[in-house]
C-alpha cells in the first residue's frame, strides 16, 4: 500500500494494492500490523455503513468526548471527504484537508481523533464504509458548520447548488463558538 500524508500530516490518504483482472479485483482493506506501522491505530471498535444520494453533505461531525478516529473508504460511488483539525494545540488548528474517495480509485482516508469529519456525495449514490476507534456517543456529538467561512472548505458543489443537509447539520456551530480539543 501507499501512504500519503496530506497538508495536515496526521491525516493520511491510503492507496491499497489492488489485484484485478477480467474476473474482478481483490484488495486488503485492513491489516493491523501494516496499518499500525503507517500510523493508523490497530484498535477499532465499530464499523459503519452510510448510503447517501448525490448532493447530500453529512458533517462536519465530531465527538467532544470519546473522540473517534475514522478509517473511511467508498464501496460504491464517489465522495469528497473532509477533515478539519479541531486540536487547539495543533499548528493546523481550524484548517481542513479533503480528498476524493471512490469505488474506482480505492483510496481510503485516515481521520485521527481530534478532527471534525464530513463528506459530500458527488455521484448518483455513494456507499461509505468506515471503521471507528471509539463508540458512537450521541450525547457528545457536535457539528461544525459545513460552510463556516473561518474554515473555508471548498466543497465541489456543482454550479454553486446548495447541498442536502440534515436538520442537525443545518444547525452546526461556527469554529469561533465550537467546543474544541485542547
Protein backbone atom coordinates (compact mmCIF):
# COMPACT_ATOMS: atom_id res chain seq x y z
CA UNK A 1 0.00 0.00 0.00
CA UNK A 2 1.00 3.61 -0.47
CA UNK A 3 0.58 6.16 2.32
CA UNK A 4 0.45 9.88 1.61
CA UNK A 5 0.34 12.47 4.39
CA UNK A 6 -1.91 15.33 3.33
CA UNK A 7 -1.39 19.04 4.03
CA UNK A 8 -2.26 18.24 7.65
CA UNK A 9 0.27 15.43 8.14
CA UNK A 10 -1.81 13.46 10.68
CA UNK A 11 -4.49 12.88 8.02
CA UNK A 12 -3.39 10.07 5.72
CA UNK A 13 -4.53 9.07 2.26
CA UNK A 14 -4.07 5.33 1.84
CA UNK A 15 -3.90 3.58 -1.52
CA UNK A 16 -4.14 -0.17 -1.01
CA UNK A 17 -2.71 -2.61 -3.51
CA UNK A 18 -5.46 -3.78 -5.83
CA UNK A 19 -5.16 -7.03 -7.76
CA UNK A 20 -7.56 -7.16 -10.68
CA UNK A 21 -8.25 -8.99 -13.89
CA UNK A 22 -11.22 -9.77 -16.14
CA UNK A 23 -12.97 -11.53 -13.23
CA UNK A 24 -12.90 -8.55 -10.85
CA UNK A 25 -10.49 -7.45 -8.13
CA UNK A 26 -9.15 -8.17 -4.66
CA UNK A 27 -7.76 -5.71 -2.14
CA UNK A 28 -6.88 -5.83 1.52
CA UNK A 29 -8.86 -3.10 3.31
CA UNK A 30 -7.40 -3.63 6.79
CA UNK A 31 -4.36 -5.40 8.20
CA UNK A 32 -3.44 -4.41 11.77
CA UNK A 33 0.36 -4.68 11.60
CA UNK A 34 0.75 -2.92 8.27
CA UNK A 35 -1.60 -0.07 9.19
CA UNK A 36 -0.10 0.37 12.66
CA UNK A 37 3.32 0.74 11.05
CA UNK A 38 1.83 3.51 8.89
CA UNK A 39 0.45 5.37 11.93
CA UNK A 40 -3.13 4.07 11.95
CA UNK A 41 -4.09 2.53 15.30
CA UNK A 42 -4.77 -1.17 15.45
CA UNK A 43 -7.89 -0.98 17.62
CA UNK A 44 -11.25 -0.29 16.04
CA UNK A 45 -14.48 -0.89 17.94
CA UNK A 46 -17.20 -0.09 15.43
CA UNK A 47 -17.81 -0.38 11.67
CA UNK A 48 -20.37 1.86 9.95
CA UNK A 49 -22.03 1.89 6.52
CA UNK A 50 -23.67 5.05 5.19
CA UNK A 51 -25.59 5.37 1.91
CA UNK A 52 -26.40 8.80 0.51
CA UNK A 53 -27.64 10.34 -2.75
CA UNK A 54 -25.98 12.98 -4.94
CA UNK A 55 -25.70 16.36 -3.26
CA UNK A 56 -26.01 15.04 0.30
CA UNK A 57 -23.49 16.64 2.63
CA UNK A 58 -23.00 14.96 6.00
CA UNK A 59 -20.98 16.78 8.62
CA UNK A 60 -18.85 18.20 9.84
CA UNK A 61 -19.22 15.85 12.84
CA UNK A 62 -17.07 15.09 15.87
CA UNK A 63 -17.41 13.86 19.44
CA UNK A 64 -16.03 16.25 22.06
CA UNK A 65 -15.64 13.31 24.48
CA UNK A 66 -14.81 9.83 23.21
CA UNK A 67 -13.31 11.32 20.04
CA UNK A 68 -13.33 8.92 17.12
CA UNK A 69 -10.60 8.21 14.63
CA UNK A 70 -12.10 7.03 11.34
CA UNK A 71 -10.72 4.94 8.51
CA UNK A 72 -13.00 5.84 5.60
CA UNK A 73 -13.49 4.22 2.19
CA UNK A 74 -16.12 4.15 -0.54
CA UNK A 75 -17.54 0.85 -1.79
CA UNK A 76 -19.85 2.43 -4.37
CA UNK A 77 -19.89 5.86 -5.95
CA UNK A 78 -17.74 8.90 -5.18
CA UNK A 79 -17.46 11.43 -2.37
CA UNK A 80 -15.39 14.44 -1.45
CA UNK A 81 -14.20 13.63 2.08
CA UNK A 82 -13.08 16.37 4.51
CA UNK A 83 -11.26 16.53 7.85
CA UNK A 84 -10.98 19.73 9.93
CA UNK A 85 -8.35 19.96 12.67
CA UNK A 86 -10.04 20.94 15.95
CA UNK A 87 -7.00 20.46 18.21
CA UNK A 88 -6.29 23.94 19.60
CA UNK A 89 -2.66 22.92 20.33
CA UNK A 90 -2.08 21.92 16.69
CA UNK A 91 -0.30 24.26 14.26
CA UNK A 92 -3.08 23.25 11.82
CA UNK A 93 -5.98 24.23 14.11
CA UNK A 94 -9.01 25.29 12.06
CA UNK A 95 -7.53 24.10 8.75
CA UNK A 96 -9.09 21.48 6.54
CA UNK A 97 -7.96 18.85 4.05
CA UNK A 98 -10.03 16.96 1.53
CA UNK A 99 -9.70 14.01 -0.80
CA UNK A 100 -11.85 12.35 -3.43
CA UNK A 101 -12.64 8.77 -2.50
CA UNK A 102 -14.37 6.49 -4.96
CA UNK A 103 -15.04 2.91 -5.92
CA UNK A 104 -12.68 3.46 -8.85
CA UNK A 105 -9.66 4.95 -7.06
CA UNK A 106 -9.89 2.63 -3.99
CA UNK A 107 -8.38 5.35 -1.78
CA UNK A 108 -9.04 5.47 1.96
CA UNK A 109 -8.70 8.36 4.37
CA UNK A 110 -7.44 8.10 7.95
CA UNK A 111 -9.05 10.87 10.02
CA UNK A 112 -7.49 10.82 13.52
CA UNK A 113 -9.32 11.70 16.75
CA UNK A 114 -9.44 15.46 17.24
CA UNK A 115 -10.87 16.22 13.81
CA UNK A 116 -14.34 17.04 12.51
CA UNK A 117 -15.30 14.83 9.56
CA UNK A 118 -17.75 15.27 6.72
CA UNK A 119 -18.36 14.37 3.11
CA UNK A 120 -20.27 15.42 0.01
CA UNK A 121 -21.67 12.83 -2.40
CA UNK A 122 -20.75 13.69 -6.00
CA UNK A 123 -22.03 10.51 -7.71
CA UNK A 124 -25.69 9.44 -8.07
CA UNK A 125 -25.35 7.38 -4.90
CA UNK A 126 -22.47 6.50 -2.59
CA UNK A 127 -21.87 3.79 -0.02
CA UNK A 128 -19.34 4.89 2.58
CA UNK A 129 -17.73 2.33 4.93
CA UNK A 130 -15.72 3.41 7.93
CA UNK A 131 -14.07 1.94 10.97
CA UNK A 132 -14.12 3.91 14.25
CA UNK A 133 -11.67 3.88 17.16
CA UNK A 134 -14.37 4.66 19.74
CA UNK A 135 -18.09 4.07 20.10
CA UNK A 136 -20.75 6.46 18.86
CA UNK A 137 -21.82 8.67 21.77
CA UNK A 138 -24.70 10.93 20.65
CA UNK A 139 -24.57 12.96 23.86
CA UNK A 140 -21.03 14.05 22.94
CA UNK A 141 -21.60 14.61 19.23
CA UNK A 142 -21.06 18.11 17.90
CA UNK A 143 -21.43 19.61 14.43
CA UNK A 144 -19.12 22.21 12.96
CA UNK A 145 -20.91 24.32 10.37
CA UNK A 146 -20.18 22.93 6.89
CA UNK A 147 -19.92 26.42 5.32
CA UNK A 148 -18.12 28.32 8.10
CA UNK A 149 -16.06 30.99 6.28
CA UNK A 150 -13.42 30.82 9.04
CA UNK A 151 -12.69 27.23 7.95
CA UNK A 152 -13.37 27.78 4.24
CA UNK A 153 -13.92 24.23 2.99
CA UNK A 154 -14.07 24.32 -0.81
CA UNK A 155 -16.88 21.83 -1.40
CA UNK A 156 -17.21 20.78 -5.07
CA UNK A 157 -20.87 21.81 -5.32
CA UNK A 158 -21.99 21.83 -8.96
CA UNK A 159 -22.96 25.30 -10.11
CA UNK A 160 -22.96 26.59 -6.55
CA UNK A 161 -26.00 24.46 -5.70
CA UNK A 162 -26.91 24.13 -2.04
CA UNK A 163 -26.20 20.71 -0.53
CA UNK A 164 -28.86 18.47 1.00
CA UNK A 165 -28.42 18.72 4.78
CA UNK A 166 -29.99 17.13 7.83
CA UNK A 167 -31.63 19.41 10.39
CA UNK A 168 -28.68 18.76 12.70
CA UNK A 169 -26.15 19.78 10.05
CA UNK A 170 -28.07 22.96 9.22
CA UNK A 171 -27.66 23.99 12.86
CA UNK A 172 -23.89 23.46 13.04
CA UNK A 173 -21.70 25.80 15.10
CA UNK A 174 -19.01 28.06 13.69
CA UNK A 175 -15.40 27.44 14.66
CA UNK A 176 -15.45 30.61 16.78
CA UNK A 177 -18.11 29.11 19.10
CA UNK A 178 -17.37 25.39 18.70
CA UNK A 179 -16.20 23.20 21.54
CA UNK A 180 -12.73 22.04 20.52
CA UNK A 181 -9.98 19.82 21.81
CA UNK A 182 -7.02 21.10 23.88
